[in-house]
């Protein structure tokens, strides 16, 4: 088994949740998402982010609008739809369950 591959799969598993959480705060530009994810050590590239944003849009979870930029072409800003808010609420419940279950297992020091 390859440790790096397993680590990548673990991060991929929470990436959609993190992106939806970032978008839930209000209109956000993709490069700002990349910056926040990178700062949090969730390193991803544009080639991963943009297809994920397209899937979220096609699923009706996010929407976007074009906003004129003073320093170049218009920018696409993403927002959460009402369906996306419901979806994120479900993911938040699942995340809490995973955290609880993982803590129960990893903090169990009894020897069987």
PDB file of N, CA and C in Angstrom:
ATOM      1  N   UNK A   1       0.816  -1.180   0.000  1.00  0.00           N
ATOM      2  CA  UNK A   1       0.000   0.000   0.000  1.00  0.00           C
ATOM      3  C   UNK A   1       0.863   1.248   0.000  1.00  0.00           C
ATOM      4  N   UNK A   2       0.385   2.280  -0.676  1.00  0.00           N
ATOM      5  CA  UNK A   2       1.147   3.508  -0.808  1.00  0.00           C
ATOM      6  C   UNK A   2       0.539   4.589   0.084  1.00  0.00           C
ATOM      7  N   UNK A   3       1.321   5.087   1.025  1.00  0.00           N
ATOM      8  CA  UNK A   3       0.842   6.097   1.978  1.00  0.00           C
ATOM      9  C   UNK A   3       0.355   7.352   1.263  1.00  0.00           C
ATOM     10  N   UNK A   4       1.122   7.840   0.302  1.00  0.00           N
ATOM     11  CA  UNK A   4       0.755   9.071  -0.397  1.00  0.00           C
ATOM     12  C   UNK A   4      -0.589   8.925  -1.121  1.00  0.00           C
ATOM     13  N   UNK A   5      -0.834   7.796  -1.760  1.00  0.00           N
ATOM     14  CA  UNK A   5      -2.112   7.579  -2.436  1.00  0.00           C
ATOM     15  C   UNK A   5      -3.275   7.583  -1.448  1.00  0.00           C
ATOM     16  N   UNK A   6      -3.082   6.966  -0.295  1.00  0.00           N
ATOM     17  CA  UNK A   6      -4.125   6.935   0.724  1.00  0.00           C
ATOM     18  C   UNK A   6      -4.392   8.334   1.262  1.00  0.00           C
ATOM     19  N   UNK A   7      -3.332   9.117   1.476  1.00  0.00           N
ATOM     20  CA  UNK A   7      -3.496  10.493   1.948  1.00  0.00           C
ATOM     21  C   UNK A   7      -4.269  11.327   0.928  1.00  0.00           C
ATOM     22  N   UNK A   8      -3.965  11.152  -0.352  1.00  0.00           N
ATOM     23  CA  UNK A   8      -4.669  11.882  -1.415  1.00  0.00           C
ATOM     24  C   UNK A   8      -6.141  11.511  -1.417  1.00  0.00           C
ATOM     25  N   UNK A   9      -6.446  10.238  -1.271  1.00  0.00           N
ATOM     26  CA  UNK A   9      -7.842   9.792  -1.269  1.00  0.00           C
ATOM     27  C   UNK A   9      -8.601  10.352  -0.064  1.00  0.00           C
ATOM     28  N   UNK A  10      -7.942  10.421   1.082  1.00  0.00           N
ATOM     29  CA  UNK A  10      -8.588  10.999   2.265  1.00  0.00           C
ATOM     30  C   UNK A  10      -8.933  12.462   2.017  1.00  0.00           C
ATOM     31  N   UNK A  11      -8.002  13.216   1.439  1.00  0.00           N
ATOM     32  CA  UNK A  11      -8.242  14.635   1.161  1.00  0.00           C
ATOM     33  C   UNK A  11      -9.331  14.814   0.113  1.00  0.00           C
ATOM     34  N   UNK A  12      -9.333  13.971  -0.912  1.00  0.00           N
ATOM     35  CA  UNK A  12     -10.374  14.058  -1.937  1.00  0.00           C
ATOM     36  C   UNK A  12     -11.747  13.835  -1.325  1.00  0.00           C
ATOM     37  N   UNK A  13     -11.813  13.000  -0.328  1.00  0.00           N
ATOM     38  CA  UNK A  13     -13.075  12.688   0.319  1.00  0.00           C
ATOM     39  C   UNK A  13     -13.712  13.880   1.014  1.00  0.00           C
ATOM     40  N   UNK A  14     -12.904  14.830   1.445  1.00  0.00           N
ATOM     41  CA  UNK A  14     -13.453  16.001   2.147  1.00  0.00           C
ATOM     42  C   UNK A  14     -13.377  17.275   1.317  1.00  0.00           C
ATOM     43  N   UNK A  15     -12.811  17.201   0.136  1.00  0.00           N
ATOM     44  CA  UNK A  15     -12.626  18.385  -0.695  1.00  0.00           C
ATOM     45  C   UNK A  15     -13.958  19.032  -1.071  1.00  0.00           C
ATOM     46  N   UNK A  16     -14.919  18.250  -1.519  1.00  0.00           N
ATOM     47  CA  UNK A  16     -16.219  18.796  -1.908  1.00  0.00           C
ATOM     48  C   UNK A  16     -16.884  19.496  -0.721  1.00  0.00           C
ATOM     49  N   UNK A  17     -16.805  18.877   0.443  1.00  0.00           N
ATOM     50  CA  UNK A  17     -17.359  19.469   1.660  1.00  0.00           C
ATOM     51  C   UNK A  17     -16.696  20.815   1.946  1.00  0.00           C
ATOM     52  N   UNK A  18     -15.368  20.866   1.863  1.00  0.00           N
ATOM     53  CA  UNK A  18     -14.646  22.113   2.146  1.00  0.00           C
ATOM     54  C   UNK A  18     -15.004  23.198   1.139  1.00  0.00           C
ATOM     55  N   UNK A  19     -15.099  22.843  -0.124  1.00  0.00           N
ATOM     56  CA  UNK A  19     -15.434  23.826  -1.153  1.00  0.00           C
ATOM     57  C   UNK A  19     -16.846  24.368  -0.941  1.00  0.00           C
ATOM     58  N   UNK A  20     -17.795  23.488  -0.681  1.00  0.00           N
ATOM     59  CA  UNK A  20     -19.159  23.951  -0.417  1.00  0.00           C
ATOM     60  C   UNK A  20     -19.206  24.857   0.815  1.00  0.00           C
ATOM     61  N   UNK A  21     -18.411  24.527   1.808  1.00  0.00           N
ATOM     62  CA  UNK A  21     -18.370  25.351   3.029  1.00  0.00           C
ATOM     63  C   UNK A  21     -17.828  26.741   2.719  1.00  0.00           C
ATOM     64  N   UNK A  22     -16.786  26.818   1.916  1.00  0.00           N
ATOM     65  CA  UNK A  22     -16.216  28.118   1.529  1.00  0.00           C
ATOM     66  C   UNK A  22     -17.264  28.936   0.767  1.00  0.00           C
ATOM     67  N   UNK A  23     -17.935  28.299  -0.180  1.00  0.00           N
ATOM     68  CA  UNK A  23     -18.935  29.001  -0.996  1.00  0.00           C
ATOM     69  C   UNK A  23     -20.124  29.441  -0.142  1.00  0.00           C
ATOM     70  N   UNK A  24     -20.429  28.686   0.918  1.00  0.00           N
ATOM     71  CA  UNK A  24     -21.602  29.009   1.743  1.00  0.00           C
ATOM     72  C   UNK A  24     -21.483  30.363   2.430  1.00  0.00           C
ATOM     73  N   UNK A  25     -20.292  30.901   2.533  1.00  0.00           N
ATOM     74  CA  UNK A  25     -20.074  32.179   3.210  1.00  0.00           C
ATOM     75  C   UNK A  25     -20.463  33.382   2.362  1.00  0.00           C
ATOM     76  N   UNK A  26     -20.685  33.160   1.070  1.00  0.00           N
ATOM     77  CA  UNK A  26     -21.045  34.259   0.173  1.00  0.00           C
ATOM     78  C   UNK A  26     -20.333  34.112  -1.155  1.00  0.00           C
ATOM     79  N   UNK A  27     -20.552  35.076  -2.041  1.00  0.00           N
ATOM     80  CA  UNK A  27     -19.946  35.018  -3.365  1.00  0.00           C
ATOM     81  C   UNK A  27     -18.439  34.863  -3.251  1.00  0.00           C
ATOM     82  N   UNK A  28     -17.913  33.911  -4.014  1.00  0.00           N
ATOM     83  CA  UNK A  28     -16.472  33.663  -3.936  1.00  0.00           C
ATOM     84  C   UNK A  28     -15.929  33.328  -5.324  1.00  0.00           C
ATOM     85  N   UNK A  29     -14.759  33.840  -5.586  1.00  0.00           N
ATOM     86  CA  UNK A  29     -14.044  33.644  -6.835  1.00  0.00           C
ATOM     87  C   UNK A  29     -13.163  32.401  -6.705  1.00  0.00           C
ATOM     88  N   UNK A  30     -13.016  31.657  -7.784  1.00  0.00           N
ATOM     89  CA  UNK A  30     -12.293  30.380  -7.736  1.00  0.00           C
ATOM     90  C   UNK A  30     -10.863  30.528  -7.201  1.00  0.00           C
ATOM     91  N   UNK A  31     -10.159  31.567  -7.616  1.00  0.00           N
ATOM     92  CA  UNK A  31      -8.780  31.705  -7.139  1.00  0.00           C
ATOM     93  C   UNK A  31      -8.737  31.979  -5.637  1.00  0.00           C
ATOM     94  N   UNK A  32      -9.783  32.620  -5.098  1.00  0.00           N
ATOM     95  CA  UNK A  32      -9.852  32.815  -3.650  1.00  0.00           C
ATOM     96  C   UNK A  32     -10.066  31.482  -2.940  1.00  0.00           C
ATOM     97  N   UNK A  33     -10.869  30.606  -3.551  1.00  0.00           N
ATOM     98  CA  UNK A  33     -11.058  29.255  -3.000  1.00  0.00           C
ATOM     99  C   UNK A  33      -9.724  28.521  -2.965  1.00  0.00           C
ATOM    100  N   UNK A  34      -8.990  28.584  -4.081  1.00  0.00           N
ATOM    101  CA  UNK A  34      -7.684  27.916  -4.149  1.00  0.00           C
ATOM    102  C   UNK A  34      -6.752  28.447  -3.069  1.00  0.00           C
ATOM    103  N   UNK A  35      -6.769  29.761  -2.866  1.00  0.00           N
ATOM    104  CA  UNK A  35      -5.913  30.362  -1.848  1.00  0.00           C
ATOM    105  C   UNK A  35      -6.248  29.871  -0.452  1.00  0.00           C
ATOM    106  N   UNK A  36      -7.542  29.818  -0.143  1.00  0.00           N
ATOM    107  CA  UNK A  36      -7.950  29.362   1.185  1.00  0.00           C
ATOM    108  C   UNK A  36      -7.625  27.882   1.390  1.00  0.00           C
ATOM    109  N   UNK A  37      -7.877  27.080   0.365  1.00  0.00           N
ATOM    110  CA  UNK A  37      -7.567  25.653   0.460  1.00  0.00           C
ATOM    111  C   UNK A  37      -6.068  25.435   0.633  1.00  0.00           C
ATOM    112  N   UNK A  38      -5.272  26.193  -0.108  1.00  0.00           N
ATOM    113  CA  UNK A  38      -3.812  26.070  -0.011  1.00  0.00           C
ATOM    114  C   UNK A  38      -3.328  26.492   1.367  1.00  0.00           C
ATOM    115  N   UNK A  39      -3.878  27.597   1.876  1.00  0.00           N
ATOM    116  CA  UNK A  39      -3.494  28.071   3.211  1.00  0.00           C
ATOM    117  C   UNK A  39      -3.801  27.020   4.269  1.00  0.00           C
ATOM    118  N   UNK A  40      -4.889  26.278   4.057  1.00  0.00           N
ATOM    119  CA  UNK A  40      -5.285  25.226   4.997  1.00  0.00           C
ATOM    120  C   UNK A  40      -4.572  23.901   4.711  1.00  0.00           C
ATOM    121  N   UNK A  41      -3.604  23.932   3.808  1.00  0.00           N
ATOM    122  CA  UNK A  41      -2.795  22.759   3.428  1.00  0.00           C
ATOM    123  C   UNK A  41      -3.617  21.692   2.698  1.00  0.00           C
ATOM    124  N   UNK A  42      -4.707  22.119   2.046  1.00  0.00           N
ATOM    125  CA  UNK A  42      -5.492  21.253   1.161  1.00  0.00           C
ATOM    126  C   UNK A  42      -5.082  21.643  -0.258  1.00  0.00           C
ATOM    127  N   UNK A  43      -3.875  21.269  -0.621  1.00  0.00           N
ATOM    128  CA  UNK A  43      -3.297  21.704  -1.881  1.00  0.00           C
ATOM    129  C   UNK A  43      -4.014  21.026  -3.051  1.00  0.00           C
ATOM    130  N   UNK A  44      -4.643  21.841  -3.892  1.00  0.00           N
ATOM    131  CA  UNK A  44      -5.231  21.326  -5.124  1.00  0.00           C
ATOM    132  C   UNK A  44      -4.870  22.286  -6.250  1.00  0.00           C
ATOM    133  N   UNK A  45      -5.026  21.829  -7.463  1.00  0.00           N
ATOM    134  CA  UNK A  45      -4.701  22.648  -8.623  1.00  0.00           C
ATOM    135  C   UNK A  45      -5.987  23.034  -9.339  1.00  0.00           C
ATOM    136  N   UNK A  46      -5.886  24.030 -10.218  1.00  0.00           N
ATOM    137  CA  UNK A  46      -7.049  24.485 -10.966  1.00  0.00           C
ATOM    138  C   UNK A  46      -7.692  23.342 -11.743  1.00  0.00           C
ATOM    139  N   UNK A  47      -6.859  22.423 -12.239  1.00  0.00           N
ATOM    140  CA  UNK A  47      -7.359  21.286 -13.014  1.00  0.00           C
ATOM    141  C   UNK A  47      -8.214  20.339 -12.194  1.00  0.00           C
ATOM    142  N   UNK A  48      -8.159  20.450 -10.886  1.00  0.00           N
ATOM    143  CA  UNK A  48      -9.028  19.677  -9.996  1.00  0.00           C
ATOM    144  C   UNK A  48     -10.239  20.511  -9.588  1.00  0.00           C
ATOM    145  N   UNK A  49     -10.014  21.792  -9.300  1.00  0.00           N
ATOM    146  CA  UNK A  49     -11.079  22.647  -8.797  1.00  0.00           C
ATOM    147  C   UNK A  49     -12.165  22.914  -9.842  1.00  0.00           C
ATOM    148  N   UNK A  50     -11.772  23.309 -11.036  1.00  0.00           N
ATOM    149  CA  UNK A  50     -12.770  23.706 -12.028  1.00  0.00           C
ATOM    150  C   UNK A  50     -13.708  22.576 -12.444  1.00  0.00           C
ATOM    151  N   UNK A  51     -13.217  21.362 -12.669  1.00  0.00           N
ATOM    152  CA  UNK A  51     -14.166  20.277 -12.961  1.00  0.00           C
ATOM    153  C   UNK A  51     -15.110  19.993 -11.790  1.00  0.00           C
ATOM    154  N   UNK A  52     -14.614  20.110 -10.559  1.00  0.00           N
ATOM    155  CA  UNK A  52     -15.467  19.908  -9.387  1.00  0.00           C
ATOM    156  C   UNK A  52     -16.543  20.994  -9.311  1.00  0.00           C
ATOM    157  N   UNK A  53     -16.160  22.238  -9.569  1.00  0.00           N
ATOM    158  CA  UNK A  53     -17.139  23.324  -9.574  1.00  0.00           C
ATOM    159  C   UNK A  53     -18.192  23.106 -10.666  1.00  0.00           C
ATOM    160  N   UNK A  54     -17.772  22.596 -11.814  1.00  0.00           N
ATOM    161  CA  UNK A  54     -18.724  22.289 -12.899  1.00  0.00           C
ATOM    162  C   UNK A  54     -19.699  21.201 -12.473  1.00  0.00           C
ATOM    163  N   UNK A  55     -19.203  20.165 -11.809  1.00  0.00           N
ATOM    164  CA  UNK A  55     -20.085  19.087 -11.323  1.00  0.00           C
ATOM    165  C   UNK A  55     -21.074  19.626 -10.289  1.00  0.00           C
ATOM    166  N   UNK A  56     -20.606  20.481  -9.395  1.00  0.00           N
ATOM    167  CA  UNK A  56     -21.486  21.068  -8.390  1.00  0.00           C
ATOM    168  C   UNK A  56     -22.555  21.943  -9.055  1.00  0.00           C
ATOM    169  N   UNK A  57     -22.164  22.684 -10.079  1.00  0.00           N
ATOM    170  CA  UNK A  57     -23.112  23.519 -10.824  1.00  0.00           C
ATOM    171  C   UNK A  57     -24.135  22.641 -11.545  1.00  0.00           C
ATOM    172  N   UNK A  58     -23.661  21.598 -12.239  1.00  0.00           N
ATOM    173  CA  UNK A  58     -24.554  20.708 -12.976  1.00  0.00           C
ATOM    174  C   UNK A  58     -25.499  19.948 -12.052  1.00  0.00           C
ATOM    175  N   UNK A  59     -25.101  19.761 -10.806  1.00  0.00           N
ATOM    176  CA  UNK A  59     -25.941  19.087  -9.815  1.00  0.00           C
ATOM    177  C   UNK A  59     -26.928  20.045  -9.158  1.00  0.00           C
ATOM    178  N   UNK A  60     -26.814  21.319  -9.472  1.00  0.00           N
ATOM    179  CA  UNK A  60     -27.725  22.305  -8.901  1.00  0.00           C
ATOM    180  C   UNK A  60     -27.356  22.751  -7.500  1.00  0.00           C
ATOM    181  N   UNK A  61     -26.131  22.453  -7.068  1.00  0.00           N
ATOM    182  CA  UNK A  61     -25.706  22.809  -5.716  1.00  0.00           C
ATOM    183  C   UNK A  61     -25.097  24.198  -5.634  1.00  0.00           C
ATOM    184  N   UNK A  62     -24.480  24.637  -6.715  1.00  0.00           N
ATOM    185  CA  UNK A  62     -23.913  25.991  -6.767  1.00  0.00           C
ATOM    186  C   UNK A  62     -24.384  26.684  -8.036  1.00  0.00           C
ATOM    187  N   UNK A  63     -24.321  27.985  -8.001  1.00  0.00           N
ATOM    188  CA  UNK A  63     -24.603  28.796  -9.167  1.00  0.00           C
ATOM    189  C   UNK A  63     -23.482  29.821  -9.258  1.00  0.00           C
ATOM    190  N   UNK A  64     -23.427  30.533 -10.346  1.00  0.00           N
ATOM    191  CA  UNK A  64     -22.407  31.568 -10.476  1.00  0.00           C
ATOM    192  C   UNK A  64     -22.957  32.734 -11.268  1.00  0.00           C
ATOM    193  N   UNK A  65     -22.265  33.852 -11.128  1.00  0.00           N
ATOM    194  CA  UNK A  65     -22.572  35.010 -11.956  1.00  0.00           C
ATOM    195  C   UNK A  65     -21.263  35.676 -12.334  1.00  0.00           C
ATOM    196  N   UNK A  66     -21.307  36.313 -13.469  1.00  0.00           N
ATOM    197  CA  UNK A  66     -20.143  37.031 -13.962  1.00  0.00           C
ATOM    198  C   UNK A  66     -20.162  38.447 -13.410  1.00  0.00           C
ATOM    199  N   UNK A  67     -19.017  38.879 -12.901  1.00  0.00           N
ATOM    200  CA  UNK A  67     -18.893  40.241 -12.375  1.00  0.00           C
ATOM    201  C   UNK A  67     -17.703  40.897 -13.073  1.00  0.00           C
ATOM    202  N   UNK A  68     -17.934  42.089 -13.570  1.00  0.00           N
ATOM    203  CA  UNK A  68     -16.865  42.824 -14.248  1.00  0.00           C
ATOM    204  C   UNK A  68     -15.692  43.064 -13.307  1.00  0.00           C
ATOM    205  N   UNK A  69     -14.504  43.000 -13.873  1.00  0.00           N
ATOM    206  CA  UNK A  69     -13.281  43.224 -13.104  1.00  0.00           C
ATOM    207  C   UNK A  69     -12.611  44.501 -13.587  1.00  0.00           C
ATOM    208  N   UNK A  70     -12.041  45.256 -12.670  1.00  0.00           N
ATOM    209  CA  UNK A  70     -11.334  46.482 -13.040  1.00  0.00           C
ATOM    210  C   UNK A  70      -9.965  46.173 -13.633  1.00  0.00           C
ATOM    211  N   UNK A  71      -9.484  44.956 -13.395  1.00  0.00           N
ATOM    212  CA  UNK A  71      -8.120  44.628 -13.826  1.00  0.00           C
ATOM    213  C   UNK A  71      -8.079  43.461 -14.813  1.00  0.00           C
ATOM    214  N   UNK A  72      -9.093  43.334 -15.668  1.00  0.00           N
ATOM    215  CA  UNK A  72      -9.065  42.249 -16.638  1.00  0.00           C
ATOM    216  C   UNK A  72     -10.453  41.804 -17.028  1.00  0.00           C
ATOM    217  N   UNK A  73     -10.541  40.575 -17.495  1.00  0.00           N
ATOM    218  CA  UNK A  73     -11.848  40.070 -17.947  1.00  0.00           C
ATOM    219  C   UNK A  73     -12.806  39.860 -16.770  1.00  0.00           C
ATOM    220  N   UNK A  74     -14.105  39.699 -17.063  1.00  0.00           N
ATOM    221  CA  UNK A  74     -15.074  39.441 -15.981  1.00  0.00           C
ATOM    222  C   UNK A  74     -14.699  38.177 -15.218  1.00  0.00           C
ATOM    223  N   UNK A  75     -15.112  38.142 -13.967  1.00  0.00           N
ATOM    224  CA  UNK A  75     -14.810  36.997 -13.101  1.00  0.00           C
ATOM    225  C   UNK A  75     -16.093  36.268 -12.739  1.00  0.00           C
ATOM    226  N   UNK A  76     -15.960  34.962 -12.594  1.00  0.00           N
ATOM    227  CA  UNK A  76     -17.092  34.116 -12.238  1.00  0.00           C
ATOM    228  C   UNK A  76     -17.085  33.930 -10.722  1.00  0.00           C
ATOM    229  N   UNK A  77     -18.157  34.388 -10.071  1.00  0.00           N
ATOM    230  CA  UNK A  77     -18.291  34.253  -8.626  1.00  0.00           C
ATOM    231  C   UNK A  77     -19.369  33.215  -8.314  1.00  0.00           C
ATOM    232  N   UNK A  78     -19.041  32.308  -7.411  1.00  0.00           N
ATOM    233  CA  UNK A  78     -19.904  31.182  -7.073  1.00  0.00           C
ATOM    234  C   UNK A  78     -20.692  31.452  -5.801  1.00  0.00           C
ATOM    235  N   UNK A  79     -21.927  30.954  -5.777  1.00  0.00           N
ATOM    236  CA  UNK A  79     -22.780  31.003  -4.594  1.00  0.00           C
ATOM    237  C   UNK A  79     -23.462  29.652  -4.435  1.00  0.00           C
ATOM    238  N   UNK A  80     -23.913  29.398  -3.229  1.00  0.00           N
ATOM    239  CA  UNK A  80     -24.635  28.160  -2.933  1.00  0.00           C
ATOM    240  C   UNK A  80     -26.119  28.343  -3.257  1.00  0.00           C
ATOM    241  N   UNK A  81     -26.723  27.347  -3.882  1.00  0.00           N
ATOM    242  CA  UNK A  81     -28.165  27.376  -4.122  1.00  0.00           C
ATOM    243  C   UNK A  81     -28.866  26.858  -2.866  1.00  0.00           C
ATOM    244  N   UNK A  82     -30.199  26.953  -2.837  1.00  0.00           N
ATOM    245  CA  UNK A  82     -30.920  26.404  -1.682  1.00  0.00           C
ATOM    246  C   UNK A  82     -30.714  24.893  -1.604  1.00  0.00           C
ATOM    247  N   UNK A  83     -30.668  24.235  -2.753  1.00  0.00           N
ATOM    248  CA  UNK A  83     -30.376  22.795  -2.781  1.00  0.00           C
ATOM    249  C   UNK A  83     -28.968  22.530  -2.238  1.00  0.00           C
ATOM    250  N   UNK A  84     -28.035  23.417  -2.577  1.00  0.00           N
ATOM    251  CA  UNK A  84     -26.662  23.294  -2.086  1.00  0.00           C
ATOM    252  C   UNK A  84     -26.576  23.469  -0.586  1.00  0.00           C
ATOM    253  N   UNK A  85     -27.394  24.381  -0.033  1.00  0.00           N
ATOM    254  CA  UNK A  85     -27.408  24.593   1.425  1.00  0.00           C
ATOM    255  C   UNK A  85     -27.920  23.349   2.136  1.00  0.00           C
ATOM    256  N   UNK A  86     -28.967  22.737   1.601  1.00  0.00           N
ATOM    257  CA  UNK A  86     -29.495  21.498   2.186  1.00  0.00           C
ATOM    258  C   UNK A  86     -28.453  20.381   2.109  1.00  0.00           C
ATOM    259  N   UNK A  87     -27.797  20.290   0.955  1.00  0.00           N
ATOM    260  CA  UNK A  87     -26.766  19.270   0.750  1.00  0.00           C
ATOM    261  C   UNK A  87     -25.626  19.461   1.749  1.00  0.00           C
ATOM    262  N   UNK A  88     -25.183  20.711   1.903  1.00  0.00           N
ATOM    263  CA  UNK A  88     -24.101  21.016   2.850  1.00  0.00           C
ATOM    264  C   UNK A  88     -24.520  20.680   4.273  1.00  0.00           C
ATOM    265  N   UNK A  89     -25.761  20.968   4.645  1.00  0.00           N
ATOM    266  CA  UNK A  89     -26.237  20.600   5.990  1.00  0.00           C
ATOM    267  C   UNK A  89     -26.125  19.100   6.207  1.00  0.00           C
ATOM    268  N   UNK A  90     -26.480  18.307   5.192  1.00  0.00           N
ATOM    269  CA  UNK A  90     -26.344  16.854   5.291  1.00  0.00           C
ATOM    270  C   UNK A  90     -24.898  16.429   5.438  1.00  0.00           C
ATOM    271  N   UNK A  91     -24.008  17.087   4.681  1.00  0.00           N
ATOM    272  CA  UNK A  91     -22.578  16.767   4.792  1.00  0.00           C
ATOM    273  C   UNK A  91     -22.038  17.140   6.162  1.00  0.00           C
ATOM    274  N   UNK A  92     -22.521  18.247   6.725  1.00  0.00           N
ATOM    275  CA  UNK A  92     -22.056  18.658   8.052  1.00  0.00           C
ATOM    276  C   UNK A  92     -22.437  17.622   9.105  1.00  0.00           C
ATOM    277  N   UNK A  93     -23.634  17.073   8.996  1.00  0.00           N
ATOM    278  CA  UNK A  93     -24.045  16.018   9.926  1.00  0.00           C
ATOM    279  C   UNK A  93     -23.151  14.784   9.765  1.00  0.00           C
ATOM    280  N   UNK A  94     -22.892  14.420   8.527  1.00  0.00           N
ATOM    281  CA  UNK A  94     -22.026  13.265   8.261  1.00  0.00           C
ATOM    282  C   UNK A  94     -20.624  13.516   8.790  1.00  0.00           C
ATOM    283  N   UNK A  95     -20.109  14.746   8.600  1.00  0.00           N
ATOM    284  CA  UNK A  95     -18.772  15.093   9.081  1.00  0.00           C
ATOM    285  C   UNK A  95     -18.693  14.951  10.599  1.00  0.00           C
ATOM    286  N   UNK A  96     -19.721  15.415  11.302  1.00  0.00           N
ATOM    287  CA  UNK A  96     -19.744  15.289  12.763  1.00  0.00           C
ATOM    288  C   UNK A  96     -19.734  13.824  13.186  1.00  0.00           C
ATOM    289  N   UNK A  97     -20.494  13.002  12.476  1.00  0.00           N
ATOM    290  CA  UNK A  97     -20.526  11.564  12.775  1.00  0.00           C
ATOM    291  C   UNK A  97     -19.162  10.928  12.533  1.00  0.00           C
ATOM    292  N   UNK A  98     -18.523  11.293  11.433  1.00  0.00           N
ATOM    293  CA  UNK A  98     -17.196  10.744  11.122  1.00  0.00           C
ATOM    294  C   UNK A  98     -16.186  11.167  12.178  1.00  0.00           C
ATOM    295  N   UNK A  99     -16.223  12.443  12.561  1.00  0.00           N
ATOM    296  CA  UNK A  99     -15.293  12.920  13.595  1.00  0.00           C
ATOM    297  C   UNK A  99     -15.506  12.158  14.901  1.00  0.00           C
ATOM    298  N   UNK A 100     -16.760  11.993  15.289  1.00  0.00           N
ATOM    299  CA  UNK A 100     -17.076  11.288  16.534  1.00  0.00           C
ATOM    300  C   UNK A 100     -16.592   9.839  16.459  1.00  0.00           C
ATOM    301  N   UNK A 101     -16.948   9.160  15.383  1.00  0.00           N
ATOM    302  CA  UNK A 101     -16.577   7.745  15.246  1.00  0.00           C
ATOM    303  C   UNK A 101     -15.070   7.569  15.211  1.00  0.00           C
ATOM    304  N   UNK A 102     -14.395   8.443  14.467  1.00  0.00           N
ATOM    305  CA  UNK A 102     -12.941   8.357  14.366  1.00  0.00           C
ATOM    306  C   UNK A 102     -12.291   8.595  15.723  1.00  0.00           C
ATOM    307  N   UNK A 103     -12.783   9.578  16.462  1.00  0.00           N
ATOM    308  CA  UNK A 103     -12.241   9.858  17.795  1.00  0.00           C
ATOM    309  C   UNK A 103     -12.461   8.671  18.725  1.00  0.00           C
ATOM    310  N   UNK A 104     -13.631   8.058  18.642  1.00  0.00           N
ATOM    311  CA  UNK A 104     -13.927   6.888  19.479  1.00  0.00           C
ATOM    312  C   UNK A 104     -12.920   5.772  19.221  1.00  0.00           C
ATOM    313  N   UNK A 105     -12.614   5.560  17.955  1.00  0.00           N
ATOM    314  CA  UNK A 105     -11.705   4.460  17.579  1.00  0.00           C
ATOM    315  C   UNK A 105     -10.250   4.817  17.890  1.00  0.00           C
ATOM    316  N   UNK A 106      -9.819   6.004  17.496  1.00  0.00           N
ATOM    317  CA  UNK A 106      -8.408   6.347  17.650  1.00  0.00           C
ATOM    318  C   UNK A 106      -8.031   6.685  19.083  1.00  0.00           C
ATOM    319  N   UNK A 107      -9.007   7.052  19.902  1.00  0.00           N
ATOM    320  CA  UNK A 107      -8.715   7.367  21.299  1.00  0.00           C
ATOM    321  C   UNK A 107      -8.941   6.183  22.232  1.00  0.00           C
ATOM    322  N   UNK A 108      -9.362   5.067  21.686  1.00  0.00           N
ATOM    323  CA  UNK A 108      -9.584   3.860  22.487  1.00  0.00           C
ATOM    324  C   UNK A 108      -8.247   3.196  22.739  1.00  0.00           C
ATOM    325  N   UNK A 109      -7.802   3.222  23.981  1.00  0.00           N
ATOM    326  CA  UNK A 109      -6.488   2.677  24.330  1.00  0.00           C
ATOM    327  C   UNK A 109      -6.578   1.334  25.041  1.00  0.00           C
ATOM    328  N   UNK A 110      -7.762   0.769  25.082  1.00  0.00           N
ATOM    329  CA  UNK A 110      -7.878  -0.538  25.749  1.00  0.00           C
ATOM    330  C   UNK A 110      -7.264  -1.618  24.877  1.00  0.00           C
ATOM    331  N   UNK A 111      -6.678  -2.593  25.490  1.00  0.00           N
ATOM    332  CA  UNK A 111      -6.077  -3.701  24.724  1.00  0.00           C
ATOM    333  C   UNK A 111      -7.025  -4.893  24.784  1.00  0.00           C
ATOM    334  N   UNK A 112      -7.346  -5.395  23.624  1.00  0.00           N
ATOM    335  CA  UNK A 112      -8.272  -6.538  23.530  1.00  0.00           C
ATOM    336  C   UNK A 112      -7.508  -7.813  23.311  1.00  0.00           C
TER     337      UNK A 112
END
